[in-house]
Amino acid sequence: MSDWTKLTREFEYYLRPRTFPVAIKLLTSVEELRQNPWVRPLVGKTTLCQLITKVRTYDWTVGAAAEDFATPQCASIVGLAELPDFIKDGTMRNIVWCKTLEDAKKCEAAIPRIPPGTYKAILLAPLVYNPFEPDLILIYANPAQMALLINALQFDRYERLTFHSVGETSCADVIAEGFLTKKPALSIPCYGERRFGHAQDDELAMSLPPGELERVVENLKALYQRGIRYPVSYLGAGCDPSAALMGVYGK
């Protein structure tokens, strides 16, 4: 297993995120979740974004099976349950989020979901404690920090990154999309995640394949040595930038 404590501390040093990076693991048995001594018991039902917030701000280890979620939407995103017909056909989303039933059905069909049948529970913990070998790492940061994180991803193996937004249900764009594609996935927290998961106005969410974190840390370090750091220093909007540019790139 990777030394997640060391990698997380280095990542935090260079990127300075406000909340803890989250380790996510999908489990094939509910017993594995219930028997974990570090999992905090739930009080009533939960949403997926509430679980994430408990990890990244409370510093807790948490988890849930399909029956623990307040809505089947959450369970279906992470592959713990089939999507009921009243959601699949757009009936539920048409009540609020889409003007027509046709658009609501189109929206549901566009949302990425981990196929049901394999996994029975989800486990989340602060990555820094080496809790388990994660399937996915989830990071919350502001746009400037996310820009630097993207710079690190592109530093030594460049590719143009494409991200998605289904609108409401942004957890699908980050967790399901990242799990299915094995690529970094970034999205804007949705209304529900702000209301229930307390995502802040200046936050974006990104998932990383676990194997990418060591490369990201090394590239953040390389960029730091070249003067690309967070927080970003301000030159001034009203001055001639020539001297500053020549200082970095030469004439």
C-alpha atoms as a PDB file:
ATOM      1  CA  MET A   1       0.000   0.000   0.000  1.00  0.00           C
ATOM      2  CA  SER A   2       1.225   3.522  -0.758  1.00  0.00           C
ATOM      3  CA  ASP A   3       2.256   5.783   2.097  1.00  0.00           C
ATOM      4  CA  TRP A   4      -0.867   7.932   1.908  1.00  0.00           C
ATOM      5  CA  THR A   5       0.101   9.891   5.017  1.00  0.00           C
ATOM      6  CA  LYS A   6       3.343  11.125   3.469  1.00  0.00           C
ATOM      7  CA  LEU A   7       1.762  11.844   0.079  1.00  0.00           C
ATOM      8  CA  THR A   8      -1.178  13.684   1.626  1.00  0.00           C
ATOM      9  CA  ARG A   9       1.031  15.875   3.814  1.00  0.00           C
ATOM     10  CA  GLU A  10       3.174  16.794   0.805  1.00  0.00           C
ATOM     11  CA  PHE A  11       0.074  17.477  -1.282  1.00  0.00           C
ATOM     12  CA  GLU A  12      -1.336  19.700   1.471  1.00  0.00           C
ATOM     13  CA  TYR A  13       1.966  21.573   1.733  1.00  0.00           C
ATOM     14  CA  TYR A  14       1.985  22.558  -1.940  1.00  0.00           C
ATOM     15  CA  LEU A  15      -1.730  23.007  -2.654  1.00  0.00           C
ATOM     16  CA  ARG A  16      -2.983  24.118   0.803  1.00  0.00           C
ATOM     17  CA  PRO A  17      -6.566  22.796   0.512  1.00  0.00           C
ATOM     18  CA  ARG A  18      -8.970  23.999   3.198  1.00  0.00           C
ATOM     19  CA  THR A  19     -10.411  20.531   3.907  1.00  0.00           C
ATOM     20  CA  PHE A  20      -9.039  16.985   4.160  1.00  0.00           C
ATOM     21  CA  PRO A  21      -8.580  14.932   0.960  1.00  0.00           C
ATOM     22  CA  VAL A  22     -11.089  12.060   1.022  1.00  0.00           C
ATOM     23  CA  ALA A  23     -10.339   8.379   0.368  1.00  0.00           C
ATOM     24  CA  ILE A  24     -13.267   6.438  -1.128  1.00  0.00           C
ATOM     25  CA  LYS A  25     -13.601   2.664  -1.303  1.00  0.00           C
ATOM     26  CA  LEU A  26     -16.479   0.569  -2.617  1.00  0.00           C
ATOM     27  CA  LEU A  27     -17.104  -2.619  -0.654  1.00  0.00           C
ATOM     28  CA  THR A  28     -18.525  -5.910  -1.853  1.00  0.00           C
ATOM     29  CA  SER A  29     -20.152  -6.700   1.509  1.00  0.00           C
ATOM     30  CA  VAL A  30     -22.129  -4.670   4.035  1.00  0.00           C
ATOM     31  CA  GLU A  31     -20.498  -6.680   6.846  1.00  0.00           C
ATOM     32  CA  GLU A  32     -17.112  -5.178   5.999  1.00  0.00           C
ATOM     33  CA  LEU A  33     -18.598  -1.735   6.578  1.00  0.00           C
ATOM     34  CA  ARG A  34     -20.521  -2.610   9.763  1.00  0.00           C
ATOM     35  CA  GLN A  35     -17.513  -4.317  11.344  1.00  0.00           C
ATOM     36  CA  ASN A  36     -15.081  -1.463  10.700  1.00  0.00           C
ATOM     37  CA  PRO A  37     -14.241  -0.081  14.187  1.00  0.00           C
ATOM     38  CA  TRP A  38     -13.532   3.429  12.877  1.00  0.00           C
ATOM     39  CA  VAL A  39     -16.852   4.024  11.121  1.00  0.00           C
ATOM     40  CA  ARG A  40     -19.069   6.550  12.899  1.00  0.00           C
ATOM     41  CA  PRO A  41     -22.676   5.312  13.183  1.00  0.00           C
ATOM     42  CA  LEU A  42     -25.277   7.210  11.202  1.00  0.00           C
ATOM     43  CA  VAL A  43     -28.113   9.081  12.871  1.00  0.00           C
ATOM     44  CA  GLY A  44     -31.047   8.461  10.552  1.00  0.00           C
ATOM     45  CA  LYS A  45     -30.686   8.613   6.776  1.00  0.00           C
ATOM     46  CA  THR A  46     -27.938  10.391   4.845  1.00  0.00           C
ATOM     47  CA  THR A  47     -26.961  11.755   1.461  1.00  0.00           C
ATOM     48  CA  LEU A  48     -23.678  11.036  -0.266  1.00  0.00           C
ATOM     49  CA  CYS A  49     -22.580  14.669  -0.019  1.00  0.00           C
ATOM     50  CA  GLN A  50     -23.232  14.667   3.731  1.00  0.00           C
ATOM     51  CA  LEU A  51     -20.891  11.695   4.100  1.00  0.00           C
ATOM     52  CA  ILE A  52     -18.200  13.497   2.097  1.00  0.00           C
ATOM     53  CA  THR A  53     -18.524  16.595   4.292  1.00  0.00           C
ATOM     54  CA  LYS A  54     -18.186  14.571   7.493  1.00  0.00           C
ATOM     55  CA  VAL A  55     -14.879  13.221   6.217  1.00  0.00           C
ATOM     56  CA  ARG A  56     -13.396  16.392   4.799  1.00  0.00           C
ATOM     57  CA  THR A  57     -14.457  18.732   7.623  1.00  0.00           C
ATOM     58  CA  TYR A  58     -15.194  16.580  10.704  1.00  0.00           C
ATOM     59  CA  ASP A  59     -12.174  14.327  10.057  1.00  0.00           C
ATOM     60  CA  TRP A  60     -14.395  11.247  10.464  1.00  0.00           C
ATOM     61  CA  THR A  61     -14.514   7.800   8.860  1.00  0.00           C
ATOM     62  CA  VAL A  62     -18.032   7.089   7.601  1.00  0.00           C
ATOM     63  CA  GLY A  63     -19.913   4.782   5.273  1.00  0.00           C
ATOM     64  CA  ALA A  64     -23.294   3.634   4.058  1.00  0.00           C
ATOM     65  CA  ALA A  65     -25.168   0.803   2.410  1.00  0.00           C
ATOM     66  CA  ALA A  66     -28.065   1.362   0.002  1.00  0.00           C
ATOM     67  CA  GLU A  67     -30.688   1.390   2.756  1.00  0.00           C
ATOM     68  CA  ASP A  68     -28.844   4.150   4.641  1.00  0.00           C
ATOM     69  CA  PHE A  69     -29.422   6.735   1.933  1.00  0.00           C
ATOM     70  CA  ALA A  70     -32.381   9.115   2.018  1.00  0.00           C
ATOM     71  CA  THR A  71     -32.801   8.849  -1.752  1.00  0.00           C
ATOM     72  CA  PRO A  72     -32.115   6.036  -4.236  1.00  0.00           C
ATOM     73  CA  GLN A  73     -30.282   8.590  -6.384  1.00  0.00           C
ATOM     74  CA  CYS A  74     -27.285   8.541  -4.042  1.00  0.00           C
ATOM     75  CA  ALA A  75     -27.139   4.754  -3.882  1.00  0.00           C
ATOM     76  CA  SER A  76     -27.423   4.436  -7.669  1.00  0.00           C
ATOM     77  CA  ILE A  77     -24.531   6.841  -8.344  1.00  0.00           C
ATOM     78  CA  VAL A  78     -22.072   4.587  -6.508  1.00  0.00           C
ATOM     79  CA  GLY A  79     -23.489   1.299  -7.776  1.00  0.00           C
ATOM     80  CA  LEU A  80     -25.328   0.173  -4.642  1.00  0.00           C
ATOM     81  CA  ALA A  81     -28.840   0.069  -6.127  1.00  0.00           C
ATOM     82  CA  GLU A  82     -30.842   0.083  -9.326  1.00  0.00           C
ATOM     83  CA  LEU A  83     -32.476   3.357 -10.281  1.00  0.00           C
ATOM     84  CA  PRO A  84     -36.272   3.185  -9.677  1.00  0.00           C
ATOM     85  CA  ASP A  85     -38.587   3.761 -12.653  1.00  0.00           C
ATOM     86  CA  PHE A  86     -40.038   6.979 -11.196  1.00  0.00           C
ATOM     87  CA  ILE A  87     -36.546   8.465 -11.366  1.00  0.00           C
ATOM     88  CA  LYS A  88     -35.389   6.774 -14.553  1.00  0.00           C
ATOM     89  CA  ASP A  89     -38.395   8.038 -16.554  1.00  0.00           C
ATOM     90  CA  GLY A  90     -37.830  11.633 -15.383  1.00  0.00           C
ATOM     91  CA  THR A  91     -40.921  11.900 -13.148  1.00  0.00           C
ATOM     92  CA  MET A  92     -39.044  12.992 -10.030  1.00  0.00           C
ATOM     93  CA  ARG A  93     -36.608  15.408 -11.748  1.00  0.00           C
ATOM     94  CA  ASN A  94     -39.450  16.991 -13.719  1.00  0.00           C
ATOM     95  CA  ILE A  95     -40.962  18.243 -10.438  1.00  0.00           C
ATOM     96  CA  VAL A  96     -38.135  20.774  -9.963  1.00  0.00           C
ATOM     97  CA  TRP A  97     -35.146  20.586 -12.263  1.00  0.00           C
ATOM     98  CA  CYS A  98     -36.423  20.195 -15.811  1.00  0.00           C
ATOM     99  CA  LYS A  99     -39.307  21.943 -17.561  1.00  0.00           C
ATOM    100  CA  THR A 100     -40.538  18.886 -19.448  1.00  0.00           C
ATOM    101  CA  LEU A 101     -40.668  15.175 -18.693  1.00  0.00           C
ATOM    102  CA  GLU A 102     -38.702  14.575 -21.878  1.00  0.00           C
ATOM    103  CA  ASP A 103     -35.818  16.778 -20.711  1.00  0.00           C
ATOM    104  CA  ALA A 104     -35.935  15.196 -17.252  1.00  0.00           C
ATOM    105  CA  LYS A 105     -35.661  11.712 -18.742  1.00  0.00           C
ATOM    106  CA  LYS A 106     -32.777  12.878 -20.944  1.00  0.00           C
ATOM    107  CA  CYS A 107     -31.032  14.273 -17.880  1.00  0.00           C
ATOM    108  CA  GLU A 108     -31.328  11.016 -15.934  1.00  0.00           C
ATOM    109  CA  ALA A 109     -29.963   9.059 -18.888  1.00  0.00           C
ATOM    110  CA  ALA A 110     -26.934  11.381 -19.097  1.00  0.00           C
ATOM    111  CA  ILE A 111     -25.897  10.983 -15.461  1.00  0.00           C
ATOM    112  CA  PRO A 112     -22.942   8.583 -15.071  1.00  0.00           C
ATOM    113  CA  ARG A 113     -23.522   5.785 -12.567  1.00  0.00           C
ATOM    114  CA  ILE A 114     -21.438   2.846 -11.431  1.00  0.00           C
ATOM    115  CA  PRO A 115     -23.279  -0.300 -12.606  1.00  0.00           C
ATOM    116  CA  PRO A 116     -25.149  -2.052  -9.774  1.00  0.00           C
ATOM    117  CA  GLY A 117     -24.560  -5.620  -8.687  1.00  0.00           C
ATOM    118  CA  THR A 118     -20.936  -5.695  -7.546  1.00  0.00           C
ATOM    119  CA  TYR A 119     -20.805  -3.287  -4.617  1.00  0.00           C
ATOM    120  CA  LYS A 120     -22.902  -3.286  -1.438  1.00  0.00           C
ATOM    121  CA  ALA A 121     -21.505  -0.366   0.569  1.00  0.00           C
ATOM    122  CA  ILE A 122     -19.278   2.691   0.358  1.00  0.00           C
ATOM    123  CA  LEU A 123     -16.544   3.625   2.837  1.00  0.00           C
ATOM    124  CA  LEU A 124     -15.010   7.110   3.142  1.00  0.00           C
ATOM    125  CA  ALA A 125     -12.127   8.303   5.337  1.00  0.00           C
ATOM    126  CA  PRO A 126      -9.471  11.024   5.543  1.00  0.00           C
ATOM    127  CA  LEU A 127      -6.707   9.884   3.186  1.00  0.00           C
ATOM    128  CA  VAL A 128      -4.000  11.125   5.538  1.00  0.00           C
ATOM    129  CA  TYR A 129      -4.583   8.263   8.001  1.00  0.00           C
ATOM    130  CA  ASN A 130      -3.696   5.488   5.527  1.00  0.00           C
ATOM    131  CA  PRO A 131      -7.187   4.027   6.133  1.00  0.00           C
ATOM    132  CA  PHE A 132      -7.249   1.604   3.186  1.00  0.00           C
ATOM    133  CA  GLU A 133      -6.180   1.353  -0.436  1.00  0.00           C
ATOM    134  CA  PRO A 134      -8.685   3.780  -2.030  1.00  0.00           C
ATOM    135  CA  ASP A 135     -10.573   3.347  -5.285  1.00  0.00           C
ATOM    136  CA  LEU A 136     -10.738   7.114  -5.658  1.00  0.00           C
ATOM    137  CA  ILE A 137      -9.350  10.258  -4.022  1.00  0.00           C
ATOM    138  CA  LEU A 138     -11.653  13.260  -3.685  1.00  0.00           C
ATOM    139  CA  ILE A 139     -10.321  16.813  -3.318  1.00  0.00           C
ATOM    140  CA  TYR A 140     -12.153  20.084  -2.691  1.00  0.00           C
ATOM    141  CA  ALA A 141     -10.376  23.348  -3.454  1.00  0.00           C
ATOM    142  CA  ASN A 142     -10.919  26.823  -4.823  1.00  0.00           C
ATOM    143  CA  PRO A 143     -10.521  27.650  -8.547  1.00  0.00           C
ATOM    144  CA  ALA A 144      -6.937  28.920  -8.174  1.00  0.00           C
ATOM    145  CA  GLN A 145      -5.906  25.701  -6.409  1.00  0.00           C
ATOM    146  CA  MET A 146      -7.710  23.588  -8.992  1.00  0.00           C
ATOM    147  CA  ALA A 147      -5.908  25.433 -11.794  1.00  0.00           C
ATOM    148  CA  LEU A 148      -2.593  24.551 -10.126  1.00  0.00           C
ATOM    149  CA  LEU A 149      -3.718  20.944  -9.689  1.00  0.00           C
ATOM    150  CA  ILE A 150      -4.536  20.784 -13.406  1.00  0.00           C
ATOM    151  CA  ASN A 151      -1.113  22.293 -14.175  1.00  0.00           C
ATOM    152  CA  ALA A 152       0.445  19.473 -12.134  1.00  0.00           C
ATOM    153  CA  LEU A 153      -1.555  16.818 -13.987  1.00  0.00           C
ATOM    154  CA  GLN A 154      -0.404  18.249 -17.329  1.00  0.00           C
ATOM    155  CA  PHE A 155       3.219  18.996 -16.397  1.00  0.00           C
ATOM    156  CA  ASP A 156       4.900  15.781 -17.521  1.00  0.00           C
ATOM    157  CA  ARG A 157       2.210  13.970 -19.502  1.00  0.00           C
ATOM    158  CA  TYR A 158       0.235  16.647 -21.236  1.00  0.00           C
ATOM    159  CA  GLU A 159      -3.307  16.141 -22.425  1.00  0.00           C
ATOM    160  CA  ARG A 160      -6.216  18.525 -22.820  1.00  0.00           C
ATOM    161  CA  LEU A 161      -8.551  17.694 -19.952  1.00  0.00           C
ATOM    162  CA  THR A 162     -12.311  17.606 -20.441  1.00  0.00           C
ATOM    163  CA  PHE A 163     -14.747  17.847 -17.557  1.00  0.00           C
ATOM    164  CA  HIS A 164     -18.516  17.449 -17.376  1.00  0.00           C
ATOM    165  CA  SER A 165     -21.558  18.870 -15.641  1.00  0.00           C
ATOM    166  CA  VAL A 166     -24.966  17.218 -15.487  1.00  0.00           C
ATOM    167  CA  GLY A 167     -26.145  20.143 -13.347  1.00  0.00           C
ATOM    168  CA  GLU A 168     -27.864  18.813 -10.252  1.00  0.00           C
ATOM    169  CA  THR A 169     -26.236  15.563  -8.980  1.00  0.00           C
ATOM    170  CA  SER A 170     -22.658  16.772  -9.406  1.00  0.00           C
ATOM    171  CA  CYS A 171     -21.375  13.817  -7.349  1.00  0.00           C
ATOM    172  CA  ALA A 172     -21.923  11.730 -10.467  1.00  0.00           C
ATOM    173  CA  ASP A 173     -19.602  13.984 -12.473  1.00  0.00           C
ATOM    174  CA  VAL A 174     -16.839  13.507  -9.925  1.00  0.00           C
ATOM    175  CA  ILE A 175     -17.252  10.103  -8.244  1.00  0.00           C
ATOM    176  CA  ALA A 176     -18.964   7.941 -10.868  1.00  0.00           C
ATOM    177  CA  GLU A 177     -17.187   9.603 -13.796  1.00  0.00           C
ATOM    178  CA  GLY A 178     -13.781   9.288 -12.132  1.00  0.00           C
ATOM    179  CA  PHE A 179     -14.377   5.682 -11.107  1.00  0.00           C
ATOM    180  CA  LEU A 180     -15.568   4.628 -14.559  1.00  0.00           C
ATOM    181  CA  THR A 181     -12.990   6.469 -16.683  1.00  0.00           C
ATOM    182  CA  LYS A 182      -9.975   6.157 -14.353  1.00  0.00           C
ATOM    183  CA  LYS A 183      -9.188   9.782 -15.213  1.00  0.00           C
ATOM    184  CA  PRO A 184      -9.282  13.007 -13.193  1.00  0.00           C
ATOM    185  CA  ALA A 185     -12.837  14.345 -12.999  1.00  0.00           C
ATOM    186  CA  LEU A 186     -13.749  17.878 -11.937  1.00  0.00           C
ATOM    187  CA  SER A 187     -17.127  19.520 -11.466  1.00  0.00           C
ATOM    188  CA  ILE A 188     -18.998  22.379  -9.814  1.00  0.00           C
ATOM    189  CA  PRO A 189     -20.822  21.345  -6.621  1.00  0.00           C
ATOM    190  CA  CYS A 190     -24.557  21.340  -7.276  1.00  0.00           C
ATOM    191  CA  TYR A 191     -27.459  22.902  -5.346  1.00  0.00           C
ATOM    192  CA  GLY A 192     -28.017  19.732  -3.348  1.00  0.00           C
ATOM    193  CA  GLU A 193     -24.374  19.480  -2.316  1.00  0.00           C
ATOM    194  CA  ARG A 194     -24.470  23.086  -1.131  1.00  0.00           C
ATOM    195  CA  ARG A 195     -27.725  22.599   0.787  1.00  0.00           C
ATOM    196  CA  PHE A 196     -26.979  19.217   2.362  1.00  0.00           C
ATOM    197  CA  GLY A 197     -23.207  18.881   2.028  1.00  0.00           C
ATOM    198  CA  HIS A 198     -22.343  22.517   2.773  1.00  0.00           C
ATOM    199  CA  ALA A 199     -20.064  22.942  -0.269  1.00  0.00           C
ATOM    200  CA  GLN A 200     -18.943  26.564  -0.290  1.00  0.00           C
ATOM    201  CA  ASP A 201     -19.355  29.172  -3.015  1.00  0.00           C
ATOM    202  CA  ASP A 202     -15.631  29.135  -3.843  1.00  0.00           C
ATOM    203  CA  GLU A 203     -15.208  25.342  -3.960  1.00  0.00           C
ATOM    204  CA  LEU A 204     -14.791  22.932  -6.844  1.00  0.00           C
ATOM    205  CA  ALA A 205     -14.510  19.150  -6.517  1.00  0.00           C
ATOM    206  CA  MET A 206     -12.078  16.822  -8.282  1.00  0.00           C
ATOM    207  CA  SER A 207     -11.528  13.083  -8.077  1.00  0.00           C
ATOM    208  CA  LEU A 208      -8.162  11.535  -8.846  1.00  0.00           C
ATOM    209  CA  PRO A 209      -7.217   7.932  -9.574  1.00  0.00           C
ATOM    210  CA  PRO A 210      -5.084   6.928  -6.557  1.00  0.00           C
ATOM    211  CA  GLY A 211      -2.099   6.116  -8.740  1.00  0.00           C
ATOM    212  CA  GLU A 212      -1.910   9.737  -9.892  1.00  0.00           C
ATOM    213  CA  LEU A 213      -1.308  11.327  -6.497  1.00  0.00           C
ATOM    214  CA  GLU A 214       2.424  10.629  -6.297  1.00  0.00           C
ATOM    215  CA  ARG A 215       2.953  12.109  -9.783  1.00  0.00           C
ATOM    216  CA  VAL A 216       0.818  15.125  -8.871  1.00  0.00           C
ATOM    217  CA  VAL A 217       2.895  15.777  -5.744  1.00  0.00           C
ATOM    218  CA  GLU A 218       6.167  15.542  -7.672  1.00  0.00           C
ATOM    219  CA  ASN A 219       4.831  17.910 -10.313  1.00  0.00           C
ATOM    220  CA  LEU A 220       3.510  20.388  -7.742  1.00  0.00           C
ATOM    221  CA  LYS A 221       7.007  20.363  -6.270  1.00  0.00           C
ATOM    222  CA  ALA A 222       8.580  20.994  -9.695  1.00  0.00           C
ATOM    223  CA  LEU A 223       6.172  23.848 -10.399  1.00  0.00           C
ATOM    224  CA  TYR A 224       6.882  25.306  -6.953  1.00  0.00           C
ATOM    225  CA  GLN A 225      10.589  25.386  -7.772  1.00  0.00           C
ATOM    226  CA  ARG A 226       9.732  27.301 -10.960  1.00  0.00           C
ATOM    227  CA  GLY A 227       7.774  29.889  -8.995  1.00  0.00           C
ATOM    228  CA  ILE A 228       4.254  28.551  -9.689  1.00  0.00           C
ATOM    229  CA  ARG A 229       2.667  28.408  -6.243  1.00  0.00           C
ATOM    230  CA  TYR A 230      -0.474  28.884  -4.225  1.00  0.00           C
ATOM    231  CA  PRO A 231      -1.446  31.460  -3.156  1.00  0.00           C
ATOM    232  CA  VAL A 232      -0.856  33.263  -6.454  1.00  0.00           C
ATOM    233  CA  SER A 233       1.112  36.485  -6.011  1.00  0.00           C
ATOM    234  CA  TYR A 234      -0.424  39.589  -7.594  1.00  0.00           C
ATOM    235  CA  LEU A 235       1.538  41.748 -10.006  1.00  0.00           C
ATOM    236  CA  GLY A 236      -1.079  44.471 -10.429  1.00  0.00           C
ATOM    237  CA  ALA A 237      -3.644  45.074 -13.157  1.00  0.00           C
ATOM    238  CA  GLY A 238      -2.481  48.622 -13.856  1.00  0.00           C
ATOM    239  CA  CYS A 239       1.243  48.073 -14.412  1.00  0.00           C
ATOM    240  CA  ASP A 240       3.427  47.034 -17.361  1.00  0.00           C
ATOM    241  CA  PRO A 241       3.948  43.238 -17.018  1.00  0.00           C
ATOM    242  CA  SER A 242       6.984  43.096 -19.341  1.00  0.00           C
ATOM    243  CA  ALA A 243       9.631  42.990 -16.610  1.00  0.00           C
ATOM    244  CA  ALA A 244       7.847  40.224 -14.729  1.00  0.00           C
ATOM    245  CA  LEU A 245       7.412  38.142 -17.901  1.00  0.00           C
ATOM    246  CA  MET A 246      11.073  38.603 -18.892  1.00  0.00           C
ATOM    247  CA  GLY A 247      12.085  37.607 -15.392  1.00  0.00           C
ATOM    248  CA  VAL A 248      10.471  34.212 -15.960  1.00  0.00           C
ATOM    249  CA  TYR A 249      10.824  33.581 -19.697  1.00  0.00           C
ATOM    250  CA  GLY A 250      13.738  35.795 -20.673  1.00  0.00           C
ATOM    251  CA  LYS A 251      13.728  38.110 -23.701  1.00  0.00           C
END
